[in-house]
Amino acid sequence: MNLRFSACTAAVLLAATTALAPTTHAGEMNSSEASMVITSVIVVSMPLAMSARMFEYSTAASQGKDTPATPERTKAAELPPMEVTAVEDRKEGGRQVQLQVPGHADQTATLKWPAVTGQDPAAAFAVGQTVHFSPTPAGSGWTVRDTADTPLAYVPTAYAANDNTTATW
């Protein structure tokens, strides 16, 4: 795509140069006239070239293709039940809940919440409790529920968490 913009820009520059050049015969253009032609070409072509480049940047940014931090959009899938192994304070503030699939020490997860005055989502969890992850209908995350099907927390997918409308401000 860069080559296409470069070729387009070059074509515009060439057209501007030939359109602005006065019709003279060899040796009839003085240095003042040559300077005016060169200045005119620069004054006309620079905004065009910059506009083409800025258009490329703006379309790439709006499509989100060049942002490596943007996770792939995937729907929330079924997850196995997990057991709460720890509910603890975080060093940087906030709280976290450590989870593990029963009988599988290598399958763990951590739910983390920032410190917010008057809110403690981790208080709904207890060590030894079994929780289930129910995918939301839209697939943007999971509702964490206890064995009595009481909702305890919402966990977004990586894509949904990266969405600016779900971030902590």
N, C-alpha and C. Protein backbone atom coordinates (compact mmCIF):
# COMPACT_ATOMS: atom_id res chain seq x y z
N MET A 1 0.82 -1.18 0.00
CA MET A 1 0.00 0.00 0.00
C MET A 1 0.87 1.25 0.00
N ASN A 2 2.04 1.20 0.64
CA ASN A 2 2.93 2.35 0.64
C ASN A 2 3.37 2.71 -0.77
N LEU A 3 3.62 1.69 -1.62
CA LEU A 3 4.03 1.95 -2.98
C LEU A 3 2.93 2.64 -3.77
N ARG A 4 1.69 2.30 -3.53
CA ARG A 4 0.58 2.90 -4.23
C ARG A 4 0.47 4.38 -3.89
N PHE A 5 0.62 4.71 -2.59
CA PHE A 5 0.59 6.11 -2.20
C PHE A 5 1.78 6.85 -2.77
N SER A 6 2.94 6.24 -2.81
CA SER A 6 4.12 6.88 -3.36
C SER A 6 3.96 7.14 -4.84
N ALA A 7 3.42 6.19 -5.59
CA ALA A 7 3.20 6.37 -7.02
C ALA A 7 2.15 7.45 -7.26
N CYS A 8 1.11 7.46 -6.46
CA CYS A 8 0.07 8.47 -6.58
C CYS A 8 0.65 9.85 -6.29
N THR A 9 1.44 9.95 -5.25
CA THR A 9 2.06 11.23 -4.90
C THR A 9 3.00 11.69 -6.01
N ALA A 10 3.79 10.77 -6.54
CA ALA A 10 4.71 11.13 -7.62
C ALA A 10 3.95 11.61 -8.85
N ALA A 11 2.84 10.99 -9.17
CA ALA A 11 2.04 11.39 -10.33
C ALA A 11 1.47 12.79 -10.12
N VAL A 12 1.01 13.09 -8.91
CA VAL A 12 0.47 14.41 -8.61
C VAL A 12 1.58 15.46 -8.71
N LEU A 13 2.75 15.12 -8.19
CA LEU A 13 3.89 16.05 -8.25
C LEU A 13 4.28 16.33 -9.70
N LEU A 14 4.33 15.31 -10.52
CA LEU A 14 4.70 15.48 -11.92
C LEU A 14 3.66 16.33 -12.65
N ALA A 15 2.38 16.08 -12.38
CA ALA A 15 1.32 16.86 -13.01
C ALA A 15 1.40 18.32 -12.57
N ALA A 16 1.64 18.54 -11.28
CA ALA A 16 1.75 19.91 -10.77
C ALA A 16 2.95 20.63 -11.38
N THR A 17 4.05 19.92 -11.55
CA THR A 17 5.25 20.52 -12.12
C THR A 17 5.01 20.95 -13.56
N THR A 18 4.41 20.10 -14.34
CA THR A 18 4.19 20.43 -15.75
C THR A 18 3.10 21.48 -15.91
N ALA A 19 2.12 21.49 -15.03
CA ALA A 19 1.04 22.49 -15.14
C ALA A 19 1.52 23.87 -14.75
N LEU A 20 2.43 23.93 -13.79
CA LEU A 20 2.90 25.22 -13.30
C LEU A 20 4.07 25.79 -14.10
N ALA A 21 4.74 24.97 -14.86
CA ALA A 21 5.91 25.45 -15.60
C ALA A 21 5.47 26.38 -16.73
N PRO A 22 6.06 27.57 -16.80
CA PRO A 22 5.69 28.48 -17.88
C PRO A 22 6.23 27.98 -19.21
N THR A 23 5.53 28.29 -20.29
CA THR A 23 6.00 27.87 -21.61
C THR A 23 7.06 28.86 -22.08
N THR A 24 8.28 28.42 -22.01
CA THR A 24 9.40 29.26 -22.42
C THR A 24 10.30 28.47 -23.32
N HIS A 25 11.17 29.17 -23.98
CA HIS A 25 12.17 28.52 -24.81
C HIS A 25 13.46 28.44 -24.02
N ALA A 26 14.33 27.57 -24.44
CA ALA A 26 15.60 27.39 -23.75
C ALA A 26 16.31 28.72 -23.59
N GLY A 27 16.74 29.00 -22.38
CA GLY A 27 17.51 30.20 -22.11
C GLY A 27 16.66 31.43 -21.84
N GLU A 28 15.33 31.35 -21.93
CA GLU A 28 14.49 32.51 -21.72
C GLU A 28 13.98 32.64 -20.28
N MET A 29 14.23 31.63 -19.40
CA MET A 29 13.77 31.69 -18.01
C MET A 29 14.92 32.20 -17.14
N ASN A 30 14.67 33.28 -16.42
CA ASN A 30 15.72 33.78 -15.55
C ASN A 30 15.64 33.08 -14.20
N SER A 31 16.57 33.35 -13.31
CA SER A 31 16.64 32.67 -12.02
C SER A 31 15.43 33.00 -11.15
N SER A 32 14.89 34.18 -11.27
CA SER A 32 13.72 34.56 -10.51
C SER A 32 12.51 33.72 -10.90
N GLU A 33 12.31 33.52 -12.19
CA GLU A 33 11.20 32.70 -12.67
C GLU A 33 11.39 31.24 -12.27
N ALA A 34 12.60 30.73 -12.37
CA ALA A 34 12.89 29.34 -11.97
C ALA A 34 12.62 29.16 -10.48
N SER A 35 13.01 30.12 -9.69
CA SER A 35 12.79 30.07 -8.25
C SER A 35 11.29 30.05 -7.95
N MET A 36 10.52 30.86 -8.68
CA MET A 36 9.08 30.90 -8.49
C MET A 36 8.44 29.55 -8.83
N VAL A 37 8.88 28.91 -9.92
CA VAL A 37 8.33 27.62 -10.32
C VAL A 37 8.63 26.57 -9.26
N ILE A 38 9.85 26.53 -8.78
CA ILE A 38 10.25 25.54 -7.77
C ILE A 38 9.46 25.77 -6.49
N THR A 39 9.33 27.02 -6.07
CA THR A 39 8.58 27.33 -4.86
C THR A 39 7.11 26.94 -5.02
N SER A 40 6.53 27.21 -6.18
CA SER A 40 5.13 26.85 -6.42
C SER A 40 4.93 25.34 -6.35
N VAL A 41 5.85 24.59 -6.93
CA VAL A 41 5.75 23.13 -6.89
C VAL A 41 5.82 22.63 -5.45
N ILE A 42 6.72 23.20 -4.66
CA ILE A 42 6.86 22.77 -3.27
C ILE A 42 5.61 23.15 -2.47
N VAL A 43 5.11 24.37 -2.67
CA VAL A 43 3.93 24.83 -1.94
C VAL A 43 2.71 23.97 -2.26
N VAL A 44 2.57 23.54 -3.50
CA VAL A 44 1.43 22.72 -3.89
C VAL A 44 1.63 21.25 -3.52
N SER A 45 2.82 20.72 -3.73
CA SER A 45 3.04 19.28 -3.57
C SER A 45 3.19 18.84 -2.11
N MET A 46 3.77 19.65 -1.25
CA MET A 46 3.99 19.22 0.13
C MET A 46 2.68 18.94 0.86
N PRO A 47 1.68 19.83 0.78
CA PRO A 47 0.42 19.48 1.45
C PRO A 47 -0.23 18.23 0.87
N LEU A 48 -0.12 18.05 -0.45
CA LEU A 48 -0.69 16.84 -1.05
C LEU A 48 0.01 15.58 -0.56
N ALA A 49 1.33 15.62 -0.52
CA ALA A 49 2.09 14.47 -0.05
C ALA A 49 1.79 14.18 1.43
N MET A 50 1.73 15.25 2.23
CA MET A 50 1.44 15.05 3.65
C MET A 50 0.02 14.53 3.86
N SER A 51 -0.92 15.03 3.06
CA SER A 51 -2.31 14.55 3.18
C SER A 51 -2.40 13.07 2.85
N ALA A 52 -1.70 12.64 1.81
CA ALA A 52 -1.72 11.23 1.44
C ALA A 52 -1.14 10.38 2.56
N ARG A 53 -0.06 10.83 3.17
CA ARG A 53 0.58 10.08 4.25
C ARG A 53 -0.32 10.07 5.49
N MET A 54 -0.93 11.21 5.82
CA MET A 54 -1.80 11.27 6.99
C MET A 54 -3.04 10.40 6.78
N PHE A 55 -3.55 10.34 5.56
CA PHE A 55 -4.68 9.47 5.27
C PHE A 55 -4.32 8.02 5.56
N GLU A 56 -3.12 7.63 5.17
CA GLU A 56 -2.68 6.26 5.41
C GLU A 56 -2.61 5.98 6.91
N TYR A 57 -2.07 6.91 7.69
CA TYR A 57 -2.00 6.72 9.13
C TYR A 57 -3.39 6.67 9.76
N SER A 58 -4.27 7.54 9.32
CA SER A 58 -5.59 7.58 9.94
C SER A 58 -6.40 6.32 9.64
N THR A 59 -6.30 5.79 8.43
CA THR A 59 -7.05 4.58 8.12
C THR A 59 -6.46 3.37 8.84
N ALA A 60 -5.14 3.32 8.98
CA ALA A 60 -4.52 2.20 9.69
C ALA A 60 -4.92 2.23 11.16
N ALA A 61 -4.97 3.42 11.75
CA ALA A 61 -5.33 3.53 13.16
C ALA A 61 -6.79 3.17 13.39
N SER A 62 -7.67 3.58 12.49
CA SER A 62 -9.08 3.28 12.68
C SER A 62 -9.40 1.81 12.48
N GLN A 63 -8.59 1.11 11.68
CA GLN A 63 -8.82 -0.31 11.45
C GLN A 63 -8.19 -1.16 12.53
N GLY A 64 -7.28 -0.58 13.32
CA GLY A 64 -6.65 -1.31 14.41
C GLY A 64 -5.75 -2.44 13.99
N LYS A 65 -5.27 -2.44 12.75
CA LYS A 65 -4.46 -3.55 12.26
C LYS A 65 -3.02 -3.48 12.74
N ASP A 66 -2.53 -2.29 13.03
CA ASP A 66 -1.14 -2.14 13.40
C ASP A 66 -0.93 -2.07 14.90
N THR A 67 -1.92 -2.43 15.68
CA THR A 67 -1.78 -2.38 17.12
C THR A 67 -1.59 -3.79 17.65
N PRO A 68 -0.34 -4.17 17.93
CA PRO A 68 -0.09 -5.53 18.37
C PRO A 68 -0.70 -5.86 19.72
N ALA A 69 -1.04 -4.85 20.53
CA ALA A 69 -1.60 -5.11 21.84
C ALA A 69 -3.07 -5.51 21.77
N THR A 70 -3.71 -5.33 20.64
CA THR A 70 -5.12 -5.69 20.51
C THR A 70 -5.26 -7.20 20.39
N PRO A 71 -5.88 -7.82 21.38
CA PRO A 71 -6.05 -9.28 21.31
C PRO A 71 -7.06 -9.68 20.23
N GLU A 72 -6.97 -10.92 19.82
CA GLU A 72 -7.90 -11.45 18.82
C GLU A 72 -9.29 -11.56 19.44
N ARG A 73 -10.29 -11.26 18.64
CA ARG A 73 -11.67 -11.32 19.15
C ARG A 73 -12.14 -12.77 19.12
N THR A 74 -12.33 -13.34 20.28
CA THR A 74 -12.85 -14.70 20.41
C THR A 74 -13.98 -14.68 21.44
N LYS A 75 -14.96 -15.53 21.23
CA LYS A 75 -16.08 -15.61 22.17
C LYS A 75 -15.68 -16.43 23.39
N ALA A 76 -16.27 -16.09 24.49
CA ALA A 76 -16.05 -16.84 25.72
C ALA A 76 -16.57 -18.26 25.54
N ALA A 77 -15.77 -19.24 25.92
CA ALA A 77 -16.15 -20.65 25.78
C ALA A 77 -16.37 -21.25 27.18
N GLU A 78 -16.90 -22.44 27.18
CA GLU A 78 -17.10 -23.15 28.45
C GLU A 78 -15.75 -23.38 29.13
N LEU A 79 -15.73 -23.21 30.44
CA LEU A 79 -14.53 -23.48 31.25
C LEU A 79 -14.89 -24.49 32.33
N PRO A 80 -13.92 -25.25 32.79
CA PRO A 80 -14.22 -26.23 33.85
C PRO A 80 -14.45 -25.52 35.18
N PRO A 81 -15.17 -26.17 36.10
CA PRO A 81 -15.34 -25.60 37.44
C PRO A 81 -13.97 -25.45 38.10
N MET A 82 -13.82 -24.42 38.92
CA MET A 82 -12.54 -24.18 39.59
C MET A 82 -12.78 -24.00 41.08
N GLU A 83 -11.75 -24.31 41.83
CA GLU A 83 -11.81 -24.18 43.29
C GLU A 83 -11.00 -22.96 43.72
N VAL A 84 -11.54 -22.19 44.65
CA VAL A 84 -10.83 -21.02 45.19
C VAL A 84 -9.74 -21.53 46.13
N THR A 85 -8.49 -21.18 45.82
CA THR A 85 -7.37 -21.62 46.66
C THR A 85 -6.85 -20.51 47.57
N ALA A 86 -7.12 -19.24 47.21
CA ALA A 86 -6.67 -18.12 48.05
C ALA A 86 -7.46 -16.86 47.68
N VAL A 87 -7.72 -16.06 48.70
CA VAL A 87 -8.30 -14.72 48.53
C VAL A 87 -7.36 -13.80 49.29
N GLU A 88 -6.69 -12.89 48.57
CA GLU A 88 -5.64 -12.10 49.21
C GLU A 88 -5.55 -10.67 48.69
N ASP A 89 -4.86 -9.85 49.49
CA ASP A 89 -4.59 -8.47 49.09
C ASP A 89 -3.40 -8.46 48.14
N ARG A 90 -3.40 -7.51 47.21
CA ARG A 90 -2.28 -7.35 46.28
C ARG A 90 -1.33 -6.28 46.81
N LYS A 91 -0.05 -6.43 46.51
CA LYS A 91 0.95 -5.48 46.98
C LYS A 91 0.68 -4.08 46.46
N GLU A 92 0.26 -3.98 45.18
CA GLU A 92 0.00 -2.67 44.57
C GLU A 92 -1.40 -2.14 44.88
N GLY A 93 -2.11 -2.81 45.75
CA GLY A 93 -3.48 -2.41 46.09
C GLY A 93 -4.48 -3.31 45.41
N GLY A 94 -5.67 -3.34 45.95
CA GLY A 94 -6.69 -4.19 45.38
C GLY A 94 -6.66 -5.59 45.96
N ARG A 95 -7.44 -6.46 45.35
CA ARG A 95 -7.55 -7.83 45.85
C ARG A 95 -7.46 -8.80 44.69
N GLN A 96 -7.18 -10.06 45.02
CA GLN A 96 -7.13 -11.10 44.00
C GLN A 96 -7.63 -12.42 44.57
N VAL A 97 -8.12 -13.26 43.65
CA VAL A 97 -8.61 -14.59 44.00
C VAL A 97 -7.85 -15.58 43.14
N GLN A 98 -7.21 -16.56 43.79
CA GLN A 98 -6.47 -17.62 43.11
C GLN A 98 -7.41 -18.81 42.92
N LEU A 99 -7.43 -19.34 41.68
CA LEU A 99 -8.30 -20.46 41.35
C LEU A 99 -7.50 -21.60 40.76
N GLN A 100 -8.04 -22.84 40.92
CA GLN A 100 -7.38 -24.02 40.35
C GLN A 100 -8.45 -25.05 40.00
N VAL A 101 -8.24 -25.71 38.85
CA VAL A 101 -9.12 -26.81 38.48
C VAL A 101 -8.81 -27.96 39.45
N PRO A 102 -9.81 -28.49 40.17
CA PRO A 102 -9.56 -29.55 41.14
C PRO A 102 -8.84 -30.75 40.50
N GLY A 103 -7.76 -31.16 41.13
CA GLY A 103 -6.99 -32.31 40.66
C GLY A 103 -6.00 -31.97 39.56
N HIS A 104 -5.90 -30.73 39.15
CA HIS A 104 -4.97 -30.31 38.08
C HIS A 104 -4.19 -29.09 38.56
N ALA A 105 -3.08 -29.32 39.22
CA ALA A 105 -2.29 -28.23 39.79
C ALA A 105 -1.74 -27.27 38.73
N ASP A 106 -1.65 -27.72 37.48
CA ASP A 106 -1.10 -26.88 36.41
C ASP A 106 -2.16 -25.99 35.76
N GLN A 107 -3.43 -26.17 36.10
CA GLN A 107 -4.51 -25.37 35.51
C GLN A 107 -5.03 -24.39 36.55
N THR A 108 -4.45 -23.18 36.52
CA THR A 108 -4.80 -22.16 37.50
C THR A 108 -5.24 -20.87 36.81
N ALA A 109 -5.84 -20.01 37.60
CA ALA A 109 -6.25 -18.69 37.11
C ALA A 109 -6.22 -17.73 38.29
N THR A 110 -6.08 -16.46 37.98
CA THR A 110 -6.11 -15.42 39.01
C THR A 110 -7.06 -14.32 38.57
N LEU A 111 -7.98 -13.99 39.44
CA LEU A 111 -8.88 -12.87 39.21
C LEU A 111 -8.36 -11.70 40.04
N LYS A 112 -8.14 -10.54 39.39
CA LYS A 112 -7.58 -9.38 40.09
C LYS A 112 -8.52 -8.19 39.95
N TRP A 113 -8.63 -7.43 41.05
CA TRP A 113 -9.43 -6.22 41.05
C TRP A 113 -8.60 -5.08 41.63
N PRO A 114 -8.73 -3.88 41.05
CA PRO A 114 -8.03 -2.72 41.62
C PRO A 114 -8.71 -2.28 42.92
N ALA A 115 -7.98 -1.52 43.71
CA ALA A 115 -8.55 -0.99 44.95
C ALA A 115 -9.53 0.12 44.62
N VAL A 116 -10.79 -0.07 45.02
CA VAL A 116 -11.84 0.93 44.83
C VAL A 116 -12.55 1.06 46.17
N THR A 117 -12.59 2.27 46.69
CA THR A 117 -13.21 2.51 47.99
C THR A 117 -14.66 2.04 48.00
N GLY A 118 -14.99 1.23 48.99
CA GLY A 118 -16.35 0.74 49.14
C GLY A 118 -16.70 -0.46 48.30
N GLN A 119 -15.75 -0.96 47.51
CA GLN A 119 -16.03 -2.13 46.66
C GLN A 119 -14.97 -3.20 46.90
N ASP A 120 -15.42 -4.43 47.09
CA ASP A 120 -14.50 -5.56 47.25
C ASP A 120 -15.14 -6.80 46.64
N PRO A 121 -15.02 -6.97 45.30
CA PRO A 121 -15.61 -8.15 44.66
C PRO A 121 -15.04 -9.46 45.20
N ALA A 122 -13.82 -9.44 45.70
CA ALA A 122 -13.21 -10.66 46.22
C ALA A 122 -13.88 -11.14 47.49
N ALA A 123 -14.64 -10.28 48.17
CA ALA A 123 -15.32 -10.67 49.42
C ALA A 123 -16.36 -11.75 49.19
N ALA A 124 -16.86 -11.89 47.96
CA ALA A 124 -17.87 -12.91 47.66
C ALA A 124 -17.27 -14.31 47.52
N PHE A 125 -15.94 -14.40 47.50
CA PHE A 125 -15.26 -15.69 47.33
C PHE A 125 -14.72 -16.18 48.67
N ALA A 126 -14.70 -17.51 48.83
CA ALA A 126 -14.17 -18.13 50.05
C ALA A 126 -13.25 -19.29 49.66
N VAL A 127 -12.17 -19.47 50.39
CA VAL A 127 -11.23 -20.56 50.12
C VAL A 127 -11.97 -21.89 50.24
N GLY A 128 -11.77 -22.77 49.25
CA GLY A 128 -12.42 -24.07 49.21
C GLY A 128 -13.72 -24.06 48.40
N GLN A 129 -14.21 -22.90 48.07
CA GLN A 129 -15.45 -22.76 47.31
C GLN A 129 -15.23 -23.18 45.85
N THR A 130 -16.22 -23.85 45.26
CA THR A 130 -16.17 -24.20 43.84
C THR A 130 -16.98 -23.17 43.07
N VAL A 131 -16.37 -22.66 41.98
CA VAL A 131 -17.06 -21.66 41.15
C VAL A 131 -17.14 -22.16 39.72
N HIS A 132 -18.15 -21.67 39.00
CA HIS A 132 -18.38 -22.04 37.61
C HIS A 132 -18.32 -20.78 36.76
N PHE A 133 -17.81 -20.91 35.55
CA PHE A 133 -17.73 -19.80 34.61
C PHE A 133 -18.79 -20.00 33.53
N SER A 134 -19.81 -19.15 33.54
CA SER A 134 -20.89 -19.23 32.56
C SER A 134 -20.64 -18.17 31.48
N PRO A 135 -20.45 -18.58 30.21
CA PRO A 135 -20.25 -17.57 29.15
C PRO A 135 -21.48 -16.67 29.03
N THR A 136 -21.25 -15.40 28.80
CA THR A 136 -22.36 -14.46 28.60
C THR A 136 -23.00 -14.75 27.23
N PRO A 137 -24.25 -14.39 27.03
CA PRO A 137 -24.91 -14.66 25.74
C PRO A 137 -24.17 -14.06 24.54
N ALA A 138 -23.58 -12.87 24.71
CA ALA A 138 -22.85 -12.24 23.61
C ALA A 138 -21.44 -12.80 23.45
N GLY A 139 -20.98 -13.56 24.45
CA GLY A 139 -19.64 -14.15 24.38
C GLY A 139 -18.53 -13.19 24.74
N SER A 140 -18.87 -12.06 25.40
CA SER A 140 -17.84 -11.07 25.74
C SER A 140 -17.13 -11.39 27.05
N GLY A 141 -17.55 -12.43 27.75
CA GLY A 141 -16.91 -12.80 29.02
C GLY A 141 -17.69 -13.89 29.72
N TRP A 142 -17.40 -14.03 31.01
CA TRP A 142 -18.02 -15.06 31.82
C TRP A 142 -18.61 -14.44 33.08
N THR A 143 -19.72 -14.99 33.52
CA THR A 143 -20.25 -14.66 34.84
C THR A 143 -19.78 -15.78 35.75
N VAL A 144 -19.05 -15.41 36.79
CA VAL A 144 -18.55 -16.39 37.75
C VAL A 144 -19.66 -16.61 38.77
N ARG A 145 -20.04 -17.89 38.95
CA ARG A 145 -21.16 -18.23 39.84
C ARG A 145 -20.72 -19.29 40.84
N ASP A 146 -21.35 -19.26 42.02
CA ASP A 146 -21.07 -20.30 43.00
C ASP A 146 -21.96 -21.51 42.72
N THR A 147 -21.90 -22.53 43.56
CA THR A 147 -22.67 -23.75 43.33
C THR A 147 -24.18 -23.53 43.44
N ALA A 148 -24.61 -22.45 44.11
CA ALA A 148 -26.03 -22.11 44.22
C ALA A 148 -26.47 -21.24 43.04
N ASP A 149 -25.59 -21.06 42.06
CA ASP A 149 -25.83 -20.27 40.84
C ASP A 149 -25.96 -18.77 41.13
N THR A 150 -25.39 -18.32 42.24
CA THR A 150 -25.37 -16.90 42.59
C THR A 150 -24.22 -16.23 41.84
N PRO A 151 -24.48 -15.16 41.11
CA PRO A 151 -23.38 -14.47 40.40
C PRO A 151 -22.43 -13.81 41.40
N LEU A 152 -21.14 -14.04 41.21
CA LEU A 152 -20.11 -13.48 42.09
C LEU A 152 -19.31 -12.37 41.42
N ALA A 153 -19.05 -12.53 40.13
CA ALA A 153 -18.22 -11.54 39.42
C ALA A 153 -18.39 -11.73 37.93
N TYR A 154 -17.97 -10.73 37.18
CA TYR A 154 -17.93 -10.81 35.72
C TYR A 154 -16.47 -10.77 35.29
N VAL A 155 -16.08 -11.65 34.38
CA VAL A 155 -14.71 -11.69 33.86
C VAL A 155 -14.79 -11.51 32.34
N PRO A 156 -14.25 -10.39 31.82
CA PRO A 156 -14.31 -10.17 30.37
C PRO A 156 -13.27 -11.00 29.63
N THR A 157 -13.51 -11.24 28.34
CA THR A 157 -12.48 -11.86 27.50
C THR A 157 -11.36 -10.83 27.34
N ALA A 158 -10.21 -11.26 26.82
CA ALA A 158 -9.09 -10.33 26.62
C ALA A 158 -9.49 -9.20 25.68
N TYR A 159 -10.24 -9.52 24.64
CA TYR A 159 -10.68 -8.50 23.68
C TYR A 159 -11.61 -7.49 24.35
N ALA A 160 -12.57 -7.98 25.12
CA ALA A 160 -13.51 -7.08 25.79
C ALA A 160 -12.81 -6.24 26.85
N ALA A 161 -11.84 -6.81 27.53
CA ALA A 161 -11.10 -6.05 28.54
C ALA A 161 -10.28 -4.94 27.89
N ASN A 162 -9.87 -5.14 26.64
CA ASN A 162 -9.08 -4.14 25.92
C ASN A 162 -9.96 -3.02 25.37
N ASP A 163 -11.27 -3.22 25.34
CA ASP A 163 -12.20 -2.21 24.84
C ASP A 163 -12.21 -1.04 25.82
N ASN A 164 -12.14 0.18 25.30
CA ASN A 164 -12.06 1.34 26.19
C ASN A 164 -13.32 1.57 27.01
N THR A 165 -14.42 0.97 26.65
CA THR A 165 -15.64 1.16 27.44
C THR A 165 -15.68 0.24 28.65
N THR A 166 -14.77 -0.73 28.74
CA THR A 166 -14.74 -1.61 29.90
C THR A 166 -13.55 -1.36 30.80
N ALA A 167 -12.72 -0.37 30.47
CA ALA A 167 -11.53 -0.10 31.26
C ALA A 167 -11.87 0.68 32.52
N THR A 168 -10.99 0.60 33.50
CA THR A 168 -11.12 1.38 34.71
C THR A 168 -10.57 2.77 34.43
N TRP A 169 -11.36 3.81 34.69
CA TRP A 169 -10.91 5.19 34.42
C TRP A 169 -10.50 5.87 35.68
